[in-house]
């Protein structure tokens, strides 16, 4: 009878240990999940900021190109006027 009780206690202790390990594993997995979610959210914010910066830089490049075209046109007019002075 005592042997059965010892086996039953050993089995119960084994079960308790397995449950304890399972609880620890679940806690670690939840912490890992929380970390992964935080990293994902941070990456999303960084991506959004980078996209906004790309949009702003694209607008700036377009404005600079338009300004360059305008300056080029003015310089060409000036050169044409200088050429007309030399031809006269």
Protein backbone atom coordinates (compact mmCIF):
# COMPACT_ATOMS: atom_id res chain seq x y z
CA UNK A 1 0.00 0.00 0.00
CA UNK A 2 2.82 2.35 0.90
CA UNK A 3 4.48 1.66 -2.46
CA UNK A 4 1.31 2.73 -4.27
CA UNK A 5 1.18 5.91 -2.21
CA UNK A 6 4.83 6.64 -3.02
CA UNK A 7 4.18 6.07 -6.70
CA UNK A 8 1.09 8.24 -6.53
CA UNK A 9 3.04 11.02 -4.80
CA UNK A 10 5.88 10.70 -7.31
CA UNK A 11 3.36 10.89 -10.14
CA UNK A 12 1.72 13.92 -8.54
CA UNK A 13 5.10 15.59 -8.00
CA UNK A 14 5.98 14.86 -11.63
CA UNK A 15 2.68 16.36 -12.77
CA UNK A 16 3.22 19.43 -10.60
CA UNK A 17 6.70 19.91 -12.09
CA UNK A 18 5.38 19.58 -15.64
CA UNK A 19 2.60 22.09 -14.92
CA UNK A 20 5.15 24.47 -13.35
CA UNK A 21 7.37 24.22 -16.46
CA UNK A 22 4.35 24.76 -18.72
CA UNK A 23 3.38 27.89 -16.77
CA UNK A 24 6.94 29.23 -17.04
CA UNK A 25 6.98 28.48 -20.78
CA UNK A 26 3.68 30.29 -21.32
CA UNK A 27 4.99 33.29 -19.36
CA UNK A 28 8.17 33.40 -21.48
CA UNK A 29 6.17 33.05 -24.70
CA UNK A 30 3.87 35.90 -23.67
CA UNK A 31 6.88 38.09 -22.88
CA UNK A 32 8.42 37.19 -26.25
CA UNK A 33 5.14 38.00 -27.97
CA UNK A 34 4.94 41.36 -26.20
CA UNK A 35 8.50 42.14 -27.29
CA UNK A 36 7.77 41.12 -30.87
CA UNK A 37 4.62 43.26 -30.97
CA UNK A 38 6.53 46.25 -29.57
CA UNK A 39 9.29 45.76 -32.16
CA UNK A 40 6.70 45.48 -34.94
CA UNK A 41 4.97 48.65 -33.80
CA UNK A 42 8.29 50.53 -33.61
CA UNK A 43 9.22 49.34 -37.09
CA UNK A 44 5.83 50.47 -38.37
CA UNK A 45 6.36 53.93 -36.89
CA UNK A 46 9.85 54.13 -38.39
CA UNK A 47 8.50 53.04 -41.78
CA UNK A 48 5.78 55.66 -41.65
CA UNK A 49 8.29 58.37 -40.74
CA UNK A 50 10.59 57.25 -43.56
CA UNK A 51 7.71 57.32 -46.05
CA UNK A 52 6.82 60.85 -44.95
CA UNK A 53 10.45 61.88 -45.39
CA UNK A 54 10.54 60.32 -48.88
CA UNK A 55 7.39 62.22 -49.81
CA UNK A 56 8.87 65.49 -48.55
CA UNK A 57 12.16 64.89 -50.39
CA UNK A 58 10.30 64.00 -53.58
CA UNK A 59 8.40 67.29 -53.39
CA UNK A 60 11.65 69.14 -52.76
CA UNK A 61 13.35 67.50 -55.76
CA UNK A 62 10.39 68.39 -57.98
CA UNK A 63 10.51 72.01 -56.78
CA UNK A 64 14.27 72.19 -57.41
CA UNK A 65 13.84 70.77 -60.91
CA UNK A 66 11.16 73.35 -61.68
CA UNK A 67 13.41 76.10 -60.32
CA UNK A 68 16.31 74.82 -62.43
CA UNK A 69 14.13 74.90 -65.55
CA UNK A 70 13.06 78.44 -64.74
CA UNK A 71 16.67 79.57 -64.21
CA UNK A 72 17.75 77.79 -67.40
CA UNK A 73 15.08 79.67 -69.36
CA UNK A 74 16.20 83.00 -67.95
CA UNK A 75 19.86 82.28 -68.72
CA UNK A 76 18.97 81.26 -72.28
CA UNK A 77 17.10 84.55 -72.73
CA UNK A 78 20.11 86.47 -71.41
CA UNK A 79 22.44 84.58 -73.75
CA UNK A 80 20.11 85.28 -76.67
CA UNK A 81 20.17 88.99 -75.82
CA UNK A 82 23.97 88.95 -75.62
CA UNK A 83 24.14 87.17 -78.99
CA UNK A 84 21.85 89.77 -80.51
CA UNK A 85 24.16 92.54 -79.29
CA UNK A 86 27.10 90.89 -81.00
CA UNK A 87 25.20 90.43 -84.24
CA UNK A 88 24.11 94.03 -84.39
